[in-house]
PDB file of N, CA and C in Angstrom:
ATOM      1  N   UNK A   1     114.580 104.443  88.668  1.00  0.00           N
ATOM      2  CA  UNK A   1     114.012 104.959  90.286  1.00  0.00           C
ATOM      3  C   UNK A   1     112.839 105.883  90.645  1.00  0.00           C
ATOM      4  N   UNK A   2     112.799 105.800  92.188  1.00  0.00           N
ATOM      5  CA  UNK A   2     111.539 106.179  91.937  1.00  0.00           C
ATOM      6  C   UNK A   2     111.860 107.746  92.217  1.00  0.00           C
ATOM      7  N   UNK A   3     111.481 108.777  92.131  1.00  0.00           N
ATOM      8  CA  UNK A   3     111.814 110.636  92.738  1.00  0.00           C
ATOM      9  C   UNK A   3     111.818 110.454  93.715  1.00  0.00           C
ATOM     10  N   UNK A   4     112.671 111.183  94.416  1.00  0.00           N
ATOM     11  CA  UNK A   4     112.628 111.621  95.570  1.00  0.00           C
ATOM     12  C   UNK A   4     111.358 112.018  96.622  1.00  0.00           C
ATOM     13  N   UNK A   5     110.897 113.540  94.943  1.00  0.00           N
ATOM     14  CA  UNK A   5     110.353 114.478  95.506  1.00  0.00           C
ATOM     15  C   UNK A   5     108.822 114.487  94.972  1.00  0.00           C
ATOM     16  N   UNK A   6     108.071 113.205  94.810  1.00  0.00           N
ATOM     17  CA  UNK A   6     107.089 112.782  93.950  1.00  0.00           C
ATOM     18  C   UNK A   6     106.276 111.720  93.206  1.00  0.00           C
ATOM     19  N   UNK A   7     105.972 111.283  92.574  1.00  0.00           N
ATOM     20  CA  UNK A   7     105.126 110.774  92.327  1.00  0.00           C
ATOM     21  C   UNK A   7     105.992 109.889  90.736  1.00  0.00           C
ATOM     22  N   UNK A   8     105.628 108.292  90.533  1.00  0.00           N
ATOM     23  CA  UNK A   8     106.245 108.304  88.911  1.00  0.00           C
ATOM     24  C   UNK A   8     107.580 108.638  89.348  1.00  0.00           C
ATOM     25  N   UNK A   9     108.070 107.647  88.160  1.00  0.00           N
ATOM     26  CA  UNK A   9     109.906 107.150  88.237  1.00  0.00           C
ATOM     27  C   UNK A   9     110.863 108.698  88.173  1.00  0.00           C
ATOM     28  N   UNK A  10     112.281 109.091  88.735  1.00  0.00           N
ATOM     29  CA  UNK A  10     112.497 109.439  87.574  1.00  0.00           C
ATOM     30  C   UNK A  10     112.716 109.685  86.237  1.00  0.00           C
ATOM     31  N   UNK A  11     112.989 108.184  85.739  1.00  0.00           N
ATOM     32  CA  UNK A  11     113.301 108.819  83.777  1.00  0.00           C
ATOM     33  C   UNK A  11     111.884 109.361  83.235  1.00  0.00           C
ATOM     34  N   UNK A  12     110.989 109.166  83.731  1.00  0.00           N
ATOM     35  CA  UNK A  12     109.395 109.413  83.222  1.00  0.00           C
ATOM     36  C   UNK A  12     109.191 110.789  83.241  1.00  0.00           C
ATOM     37  N   UNK A  13     109.304 111.172  82.763  1.00  0.00           N
ATOM     38  CA  UNK A  13     108.528 112.945  82.349  1.00  0.00           C
ATOM     39  C   UNK A  13     106.691 112.847  81.839  1.00  0.00           C
ATOM     40  N   UNK A  14     106.040 113.901  82.908  1.00  0.00           N
ATOM     41  CA  UNK A  14     105.258 113.976  82.991  1.00  0.00           C
ATOM     42  C   UNK A  14     104.779 115.823  82.938  1.00  0.00           C
ATOM     43  N   UNK A  15     104.968 116.432  80.736  1.00  0.00           N
ATOM     44  CA  UNK A  15     104.865 117.454  81.182  1.00  0.00           C
ATOM     45  C   UNK A  15     102.812 117.445  80.833  1.00  0.00           C
ATOM     46  N   UNK A  16     103.016 118.659  81.573  1.00  0.00           N
ATOM     47  CA  UNK A  16     101.396 119.493  81.381  1.00  0.00           C
ATOM     48  C   UNK A  16     100.833 119.203  79.934  1.00  0.00           C
ATOM     49  N   UNK A  17     100.055 118.939  79.173  1.00  0.00           N
ATOM     50  CA  UNK A  17      99.772 119.057  77.982  1.00  0.00           C
ATOM     51  C   UNK A  17      99.452 120.487  78.389  1.00  0.00           C
ATOM     52  N   UNK A  18      99.452 121.078  76.536  1.00  0.00           N
ATOM     53  CA  UNK A  18      99.287 122.960  76.239  1.00  0.00           C
ATOM     54  C   UNK A  18      97.732 122.485  76.563  1.00  0.00           C
ATOM     55  N   UNK A  19      96.651 121.963  75.693  1.00  0.00           N
ATOM     56  CA  UNK A  19      95.638 122.689  75.957  1.00  0.00           C
ATOM     57  C   UNK A  19      94.759 122.384  76.917  1.00  0.00           C
ATOM     58  N   UNK A  20      95.591 121.189  78.154  1.00  0.00           N
ATOM     59  CA  UNK A  20      94.728 121.469  80.334  1.00  0.00           C
ATOM     60  C   UNK A  20      95.975 123.054  80.346  1.00  0.00           C
ATOM     61  N   UNK A  21      96.844 122.990  80.002  1.00  0.00           N
ATOM     62  CA  UNK A  21      96.884 124.820  80.476  1.00  0.00           C
ATOM     63  C   UNK A  21      96.473 124.914  80.463  1.00  0.00           C
ATOM     64  N   UNK A  22      95.839 125.034  79.139  1.00  0.00           N
ATOM     65  CA  UNK A  22      95.265 126.023  79.071  1.00  0.00           C
ATOM     66  C   UNK A  22      93.561 126.447  79.009  1.00  0.00           C
ATOM     67  N   UNK A  23      93.278 125.217  79.895  1.00  0.00           N
ATOM     68  CA  UNK A  23      91.970 125.021  80.439  1.00  0.00           C
ATOM     69  C   UNK A  23      91.820 125.620  81.985  1.00  0.00           C
ATOM     70  N   UNK A  24      93.311 125.565  82.580  1.00  0.00           N
ATOM     71  CA  UNK A  24      93.132 125.703  83.829  1.00  0.00           C
ATOM     72  C   UNK A  24      93.199 127.107  83.568  1.00  0.00           C
ATOM     73  N   UNK A  25      94.380 127.570  82.924  1.00  0.00           N
ATOM     74  CA  UNK A  25      94.711 128.812  83.071  1.00  0.00           C
ATOM     75  C   UNK A  25      93.574 129.924  82.826  1.00  0.00           C
ATOM     76  N   UNK A  26      91.547 129.391  81.918  1.00  0.00           N
ATOM     77  CA  UNK A  26      90.345 129.235  81.909  1.00  0.00           C
ATOM     78  C   UNK A  26      89.839 129.977  83.351  1.00  0.00           C
ATOM     79  N   UNK A  27      90.445 128.689  83.777  1.00  0.00           N
ATOM     80  CA  UNK A  27      89.820 128.455  85.269  1.00  0.00           C
ATOM     81  C   UNK A  27      89.956 128.914  85.979  1.00  0.00           C
ATOM     82  N   UNK A  28      91.527 129.177  86.667  1.00  0.00           N
ATOM     83  CA  UNK A  28      91.554 130.076  88.078  1.00  0.00           C
ATOM     84  C   UNK A  28      93.381 130.422  87.801  1.00  0.00           C
ATOM     85  N   UNK A  29      92.920 131.003  86.139  1.00  0.00           N
ATOM     86  CA  UNK A  29      94.544 131.992  86.039  1.00  0.00           C
ATOM     87  C   UNK A  29      95.737 131.951  85.713  1.00  0.00           C
ATOM     88  N   UNK A  30      96.941 131.999  85.420  1.00  0.00           N
ATOM     89  CA  UNK A  30      97.139 131.611  84.426  1.00  0.00           C
ATOM     90  C   UNK A  30      98.350 131.376  86.230  1.00  0.00           C
ATOM     91  N   UNK A  31      98.882 130.056  85.755  1.00  0.00           N
ATOM     92  CA  UNK A  31      99.967 129.366  87.058  1.00  0.00           C
ATOM     93  C   UNK A  31     101.224 130.458  87.380  1.00  0.00           C
ATOM     94  N   UNK A  32     102.235 129.996  87.754  1.00  0.00           N
ATOM     95  CA  UNK A  32     103.037 129.928  88.444  1.00  0.00           C
ATOM     96  C   UNK A  32     104.354 129.137  87.577  1.00  0.00           C
ATOM     97  N   UNK A  33     105.877 129.025  87.609  1.00  0.00           N
ATOM     98  CA  UNK A  33     106.371 128.048  87.495  1.00  0.00           C
ATOM     99  C   UNK A  33     108.183 128.293  89.119  1.00  0.00           C
ATOM    100  N   UNK A  34     107.421 127.394  88.937  1.00  0.00           N
ATOM    101  CA  UNK A  34     107.923 127.523  90.490  1.00  0.00           C
ATOM    102  C   UNK A  34     108.980 126.232  89.856  1.00  0.00           C
ATOM    103  N   UNK A  35     110.523 126.641  90.639  1.00  0.00           N
ATOM    104  CA  UNK A  35     111.666 125.013  90.955  1.00  0.00           C
ATOM    105  C   UNK A  35     111.846 124.463  91.397  1.00  0.00           C
ATOM    106  N   UNK A  36     112.071 123.425  91.487  1.00  0.00           N
ATOM    107  CA  UNK A  36     111.643 121.575  92.658  1.00  0.00           C
ATOM    108  C   UNK A  36     112.736 122.256  93.683  1.00  0.00           C
ATOM    109  N   UNK A  37     112.800 121.285  94.670  1.00  0.00           N
ATOM    110  CA  UNK A  37     113.701 121.811  95.791  1.00  0.00           C
ATOM    111  C   UNK A  37     114.809 120.774  95.142  1.00  0.00           C
ATOM    112  N   UNK A  38     116.664 121.665  95.914  1.00  0.00           N
ATOM    113  CA  UNK A  38     116.622 120.695  94.404  1.00  0.00           C
ATOM    114  C   UNK A  38     117.995 119.140  95.842  1.00  0.00           C
ATOM    115  N   UNK A  39     118.192 118.313  96.310  1.00  0.00           N
ATOM    116  CA  UNK A  39     117.798 117.473  96.628  1.00  0.00           C
ATOM    117  C   UNK A  39     118.990 117.538  97.471  1.00  0.00           C
ATOM    118  N   UNK A  40     120.420 118.058  97.121  1.00  0.00           N
ATOM    119  CA  UNK A  40     121.639 117.889  97.947  1.00  0.00           C
ATOM    120  C   UNK A  40     121.645 119.061  98.577  1.00  0.00           C
ATOM    121  N   UNK A  41     120.287 120.050  98.533  1.00  0.00           N
ATOM    122  CA  UNK A  41     119.575 121.595  99.206  1.00  0.00           C
ATOM    123  C   UNK A  41     119.306 121.233 100.592  1.00  0.00           C
ATOM    124  N   UNK A  42     118.260 120.246 100.439  1.00  0.00           N
ATOM    125  CA  UNK A  42     117.229 119.495 101.544  1.00  0.00           C
ATOM    126  C   UNK A  42     117.939 118.944 101.827  1.00  0.00           C
ATOM    127  N   UNK A  43     118.674 117.351 101.289  1.00  0.00           N
ATOM    128  CA  UNK A  43     119.953 117.043 102.749  1.00  0.00           C
ATOM    129  C   UNK A  43     120.289 117.245 103.369  1.00  0.00           C
ATOM    130  N   UNK A  44     120.802 118.887 103.043  1.00  0.00           N
ATOM    131  CA  UNK A  44     122.164 119.592 104.225  1.00  0.00           C
ATOM    132  C   UNK A  44     120.357 120.566 105.111  1.00  0.00           C
ATOM    133  N   UNK A  45     119.865 120.353 105.130  1.00  0.00           N
ATOM    134  CA  UNK A  45     118.696 120.733 106.403  1.00  0.00           C
ATOM    135  C   UNK A  45     117.997 119.801 106.369  1.00  0.00           C
ATOM    136  N   UNK A  46     118.180 118.615 106.635  1.00  0.00           N
ATOM    137  CA  UNK A  46     118.442 117.184 107.147  1.00  0.00           C
ATOM    138  C   UNK A  46     119.050 117.652 108.891  1.00  0.00           C
ATOM    139  N   UNK A  47     118.533 117.609 110.067  1.00  0.00           N
ATOM    140  CA  UNK A  47     119.140 117.412 111.165  1.00  0.00           C
ATOM    141  C   UNK A  47     119.631 115.666 110.867  1.00  0.00           C
ATOM    142  N   UNK A  48     120.917 116.264 112.669  1.00  0.00           N
ATOM    143  CA  UNK A  48     121.046 115.549 113.085  1.00  0.00           C
ATOM    144  C   UNK A  48     120.461 114.333 113.822  1.00  0.00           C
ATOM    145  N   UNK A  49     120.707 113.002 113.538  1.00  0.00           N
ATOM    146  CA  UNK A  49     119.694 112.367 114.456  1.00  0.00           C
ATOM    147  C   UNK A  49     120.262 112.253 116.145  1.00  0.00           C
ATOM    148  N   UNK A  50     118.846 111.735 116.595  1.00  0.00           N
ATOM    149  CA  UNK A  50     119.554 112.079 117.986  1.00  0.00           C
ATOM    150  C   UNK A  50     118.708 110.127 118.198  1.00  0.00           C
ATOM    151  N   UNK A  51     119.105 109.876 117.788  1.00  0.00           N
ATOM    152  CA  UNK A  51     118.811 107.989 118.177  1.00  0.00           C
ATOM    153  C   UNK A  51     120.051 107.890 118.715  1.00  0.00           C
ATOM    154  N   UNK A  52     120.223 106.360 119.762  1.00  0.00           N
ATOM    155  CA  UNK A  52     121.822 106.054 119.376  1.00  0.00           C
ATOM    156  C   UNK A  52     121.875 105.521 118.076  1.00  0.00           C
ATOM    157  N   UNK A  53     123.324 104.607 118.021  1.00  0.00           N
ATOM    158  CA  UNK A  53     123.260 103.362 116.826  1.00  0.00           C
ATOM    159  C   UNK A  53     123.003 102.605 117.277  1.00  0.00           C
ATOM    160  N   UNK A  54     122.599 101.979 115.971  1.00  0.00           N
ATOM    161  CA  UNK A  54     121.738 100.502 116.153  1.00  0.00           C
ATOM    162  C   UNK A  54     121.395  99.381 114.860  1.00  0.00           C
ATOM    163  N   UNK A  55     122.103  97.927 114.600  1.00  0.00           N
ATOM    164  CA  UNK A  55     122.681  97.732 113.479  1.00  0.00           C
ATOM    165  C   UNK A  55     121.379  97.355 112.448  1.00  0.00           C
ATOM    166  N   UNK A  56     120.055  98.223 113.436  1.00  0.00           N
ATOM    167  CA  UNK A  56     118.796  97.585 112.091  1.00  0.00           C
ATOM    168  C   UNK A  56     117.974  99.157 111.564  1.00  0.00           C
ATOM    169  N   UNK A  57     119.041 100.505 112.509  1.00  0.00           N
ATOM    170  CA  UNK A  57     117.709 101.169 112.172  1.00  0.00           C
ATOM    171  C   UNK A  57     119.380 102.551 111.290  1.00  0.00           C
ATOM    172  N   UNK A  58     118.925 102.421 110.037  1.00  0.00           N
ATOM    173  CA  UNK A  58     119.423 103.386 109.783  1.00  0.00           C
ATOM    174  C   UNK A  58     119.578 105.420 109.432  1.00  0.00           C
ATOM    175  N   UNK A  59     120.495 105.979 109.961  1.00  0.00           N
ATOM    176  CA  UNK A  59     120.756 106.980 110.120  1.00  0.00           C
ATOM    177  C   UNK A  59     120.886 108.698 109.330  1.00  0.00           C
ATOM    178  N   UNK A  60     120.648 107.570 107.745  1.00  0.00           N
ATOM    179  CA  UNK A  60     121.234 107.971 106.818  1.00  0.00           C
ATOM    180  C   UNK A  60     120.508 108.378 105.985  1.00  0.00           C
ATOM    181  N   UNK A  61     121.028 109.780 106.328  1.00  0.00           N
ATOM    182  CA  UNK A  61     119.809 111.209 105.258  1.00  0.00           C
ATOM    183  C   UNK A  61     118.781 111.392 104.170  1.00  0.00           C
ATOM    184  N   UNK A  62     119.481 110.669 103.357  1.00  0.00           N
ATOM    185  CA  UNK A  62     118.183 110.052 102.257  1.00  0.00           C
ATOM    186  C   UNK A  62     117.219 109.219 102.003  1.00  0.00           C
ATOM    187  N   UNK A  63     117.984 108.768 103.437  1.00  0.00           N
ATOM    188  CA  UNK A  63     117.062 107.132 103.484  1.00  0.00           C
ATOM    189  C   UNK A  63     115.509 108.362 104.596  1.00  0.00           C
ATOM    190  N   UNK A  64     116.045 108.679 105.890  1.00  0.00           N
ATOM    191  CA  UNK A  64     115.281 109.434 106.577  1.00  0.00           C
ATOM    192  C   UNK A  64     114.346 110.607 105.926  1.00  0.00           C
ATOM    193  N   UNK A  65     114.991 111.409 104.582  1.00  0.00           N
ATOM    194  CA  UNK A  65     114.099 112.185 103.466  1.00  0.00           C
ATOM    195  C   UNK A  65     113.263 111.116 102.674  1.00  0.00           C
ATOM    196  N   UNK A  66     113.790 110.318 102.697  1.00  0.00           N
ATOM    197  CA  UNK A  66     112.045 109.860 102.628  1.00  0.00           C
ATOM    198  C   UNK A  66     111.464 109.375 102.745  1.00  0.00           C
ATOM    199  N   UNK A  67     111.564 108.373 103.725  1.00  0.00           N
ATOM    200  CA  UNK A  67     110.426 108.283 105.160  1.00  0.00           C
ATOM    201  C   UNK A  67     109.902 110.041 105.905  1.00  0.00           C
ATOM    202  N   UNK A  68     110.551 110.561 105.378  1.00  0.00           N
ATOM    203  CA  UNK A  68     109.338 112.564 105.834  1.00  0.00           C
ATOM    204  C   UNK A  68     108.430 112.568 105.214  1.00  0.00           C
ATOM    205  N   UNK A  69     107.825 112.189 104.214  1.00  0.00           N
ATOM    206  CA  UNK A  69     105.619 112.322 104.406  1.00  0.00           C
ATOM    207  C   UNK A  69     106.255 111.228 103.288  1.00  0.00           C
ATOM    208  N   UNK A  70     104.482 111.427 103.213  1.00  0.00           N
ATOM    209  CA  UNK A  70     104.039 109.736 102.693  1.00  0.00           C
ATOM    210  C   UNK A  70     103.099 110.463 100.825  1.00  0.00           C
ATOM    211  N   UNK A  71     102.581 109.340 100.613  1.00  0.00           N
ATOM    212  CA  UNK A  71     102.332 110.172  98.984  1.00  0.00           C
ATOM    213  C   UNK A  71     100.295 111.330  98.523  1.00  0.00           C
ATOM    214  N   UNK A  72     100.417 111.546  99.356  1.00  0.00           N
ATOM    215  CA  UNK A  72      99.123 112.953  99.587  1.00  0.00           C
ATOM    216  C   UNK A  72      99.997 114.104  99.228  1.00  0.00           C
ATOM    217  N   UNK A  73      98.387 115.026  98.636  1.00  0.00           N
ATOM    218  CA  UNK A  73      98.603 115.926  97.838  1.00  0.00           C
ATOM    219  C   UNK A  73      99.990 117.230  98.673  1.00  0.00           C
ATOM    220  N   UNK A  74      99.654 117.184  99.732  1.00  0.00           N
ATOM    221  CA  UNK A  74     100.264 117.825 100.526  1.00  0.00           C
ATOM    222  C   UNK A  74     101.648 117.767 100.678  1.00  0.00           C
ATOM    223  N   UNK A  75     102.323 116.533 100.742  1.00  0.00           N
ATOM    224  CA  UNK A  75     102.927 115.934 101.248  1.00  0.00           C
ATOM    225  C   UNK A  75     103.764 116.064 100.112  1.00  0.00           C
ATOM    226  N   UNK A  76     103.224 115.423  98.379  1.00  0.00           N
ATOM    227  CA  UNK A  76     104.399 116.040  97.357  1.00  0.00           C
ATOM    228  C   UNK A  76     103.988 117.563  97.743  1.00  0.00           C
ATOM    229  N   UNK A  77     104.111 118.340  97.763  1.00  0.00           N
ATOM    230  CA  UNK A  77     103.875 119.262  97.616  1.00  0.00           C
ATOM    231  C   UNK A  77     105.189 119.865  98.710  1.00  0.00           C
ATOM    232  N   UNK A  78     105.198 119.902 100.005  1.00  0.00           N
ATOM    233  CA  UNK A  78     106.655 119.754 100.664  1.00  0.00           C
ATOM    234  C   UNK A  78     107.308 119.955 100.427  1.00  0.00           C
ATOM    235  N   UNK A  79     107.316 118.641  98.805  1.00  0.00           N
ATOM    236  CA  UNK A  79     108.787 117.737  98.736  1.00  0.00           C
ATOM    237  C   UNK A  79     109.260 118.461  97.812  1.00  0.00           C
ATOM    238  N   UNK A  80     108.049 118.658  96.601  1.00  0.00           N
ATOM    239  CA  UNK A  80     108.678 119.604  95.567  1.00  0.00           C
ATOM    240  C   UNK A  80     109.312 120.782  96.166  1.00  0.00           C
ATOM    241  N   UNK A  81     108.190 121.604  97.068  1.00  0.00           N
ATOM    242  CA  UNK A  81     108.933 122.851  97.759  1.00  0.00           C
ATOM    243  C   UNK A  81     110.508 122.965  97.848  1.00  0.00           C
ATOM    244  N   UNK A  82     110.375 121.756  98.991  1.00  0.00           N
ATOM    245  CA  UNK A  82     111.294 121.477 100.180  1.00  0.00           C
ATOM    246  C   UNK A  82     111.538 122.159 101.154  1.00  0.00           C
ATOM    247  N   UNK A  83     109.930 122.130 101.337  1.00  0.00           N
ATOM    248  CA  UNK A  83     109.658 122.625 102.884  1.00  0.00           C
ATOM    249  C   UNK A  83     108.741 121.795 103.726  1.00  0.00           C
ATOM    250  N   UNK A  84     109.734 120.544 103.879  1.00  0.00           N
ATOM    251  CA  UNK A  84     109.685 118.994 104.815  1.00  0.00           C
ATOM    252  C   UNK A  84     108.788 118.817 106.227  1.00  0.00           C
ATOM    253  N   UNK A  85     109.621 119.915 106.723  1.00  0.00           N
ATOM    254  CA  UNK A  85     109.166 120.474 107.854  1.00  0.00           C
ATOM    255  C   UNK A  85     109.143 119.061 109.483  1.00  0.00           C
ATOM    256  N   UNK A  86     109.405 117.878 109.423  1.00  0.00           N
ATOM    257  CA  UNK A  86     110.672 117.154 110.313  1.00  0.00           C
ATOM    258  C   UNK A  86     110.904 115.456 109.809  1.00  0.00           C
ATOM    259  N   UNK A  87     111.487 115.251 109.878  1.00  0.00           N
ATOM    260  CA  UNK A  87     112.082 114.375 109.596  1.00  0.00           C
ATOM    261  C   UNK A  87     111.920 112.845 110.865  1.00  0.00           C
ATOM    262  N   UNK A  88     112.279 111.871 110.277  1.00  0.00           N
ATOM    263  CA  UNK A  88     112.888 110.922 111.743  1.00  0.00           C
ATOM    264  C   UNK A  88     113.207 110.893 111.771  1.00  0.00           C
ATOM    265  N   UNK A  89     113.654 110.662 112.425  1.00  0.00           N
ATOM    266  CA  UNK A  89     115.218 110.246 113.212  1.00  0.00           C
ATOM    267  C   UNK A  89     116.388 108.652 112.733  1.00  0.00           C
ATOM    268  N   UNK A  90     115.424 108.208 112.559  1.00  0.00           N
ATOM    269  CA  UNK A  90     116.216 106.610 112.105  1.00  0.00           C
ATOM    270  C   UNK A  90     115.326 106.012 110.925  1.00  0.00           C
ATOM    271  N   UNK A  91     115.278 104.807 109.765  1.00  0.00           N
ATOM    272  CA  UNK A  91     114.128 104.363 110.224  1.00  0.00           C
ATOM    273  C   UNK A  91     115.247 102.615 109.279  1.00  0.00           C
ATOM    274  N   UNK A  92     113.737 101.402 110.368  1.00  0.00           N
ATOM    275  CA  UNK A  92     114.493  99.736 110.569  1.00  0.00           C
ATOM    276  C   UNK A  92     114.096  99.309 109.328  1.00  0.00           C
ATOM    277  N   UNK A  93     115.286  98.832 109.539  1.00  0.00           N
ATOM    278  CA  UNK A  93     114.549  97.579 108.389  1.00  0.00           C
ATOM    279  C   UNK A  93     115.523  96.362 109.089  1.00  0.00           C
ATOM    280  N   UNK A  94     113.450  96.340 109.362  1.00  0.00           N
ATOM    281  CA  UNK A  94     114.253  94.950 110.339  1.00  0.00           C
ATOM    282  C   UNK A  94     114.590  93.396 109.183  1.00  0.00           C
ATOM    283  N   UNK A  95     114.363  91.930 109.999  1.00  0.00           N
ATOM    284  CA  UNK A  95     115.297  91.402 109.234  1.00  0.00           C
ATOM    285  C   UNK A  95     114.043  90.080 108.558  1.00  0.00           C
ATOM    286  N   UNK A  96     113.460  90.329 109.985  1.00  0.00           N
ATOM    287  CA  UNK A  96     112.313  89.719 110.031  1.00  0.00           C
ATOM    288  C   UNK A  96     111.298  89.440 111.773  1.00  0.00           C
ATOM    289  N   UNK A  97     110.777  88.838 111.531  1.00  0.00           N
ATOM    290  CA  UNK A  97     109.191  89.222 112.372  1.00  0.00           C
ATOM    291  C   UNK A  97     110.052  89.290 114.370  1.00  0.00           C
ATOM    292  N   UNK A  98     111.348  88.554 114.569  1.00  0.00           N
ATOM    293  CA  UNK A  98     112.446  88.388 115.691  1.00  0.00           C
ATOM    294  C   UNK A  98     112.190  90.178 115.682  1.00  0.00           C
ATOM    295  N   UNK A  99     113.082  89.871 115.098  1.00  0.00           N
ATOM    296  CA  UNK A  99     113.655  91.779 115.163  1.00  0.00           C
ATOM    297  C   UNK A  99     112.322  92.721 115.462  1.00  0.00           C
ATOM    298  N   UNK A 100     111.462  91.875 114.590  1.00  0.00           N
ATOM    299  CA  UNK A 100     110.442  93.842 115.268  1.00  0.00           C
ATOM    300  C   UNK A 100     110.036  92.934 116.312  1.00  0.00           C
ATOM    301  N   UNK A 101     109.583  91.939 117.352  1.00  0.00           N
ATOM    302  CA  UNK A 101     109.454  91.570 118.818  1.00  0.00           C
ATOM    303  C   UNK A 101     110.827  92.139 119.427  1.00  0.00           C
TER     304      UNK A 101
END
């Protein structure tokens, strides 16, 4: 399954090689090890939706979180830190072209 707060799959780890960490420390100084935001904590901060109920639109907090940001570096940093900012009120799942119209 795709990570909720970054790129790649949850089952795949992407450790930073020691040589890369040493190179970065030489170039920009020592880094800070920051903890990732906890999914349940972020979900608790998703505000209620302002939309009326609709059969093609979900108001589920997890879906709204997953659609709140894209895949750019600023988006990834926001997701990893848990500072999302804004959330969509709903996520539409049309079944076909007629639903889109």
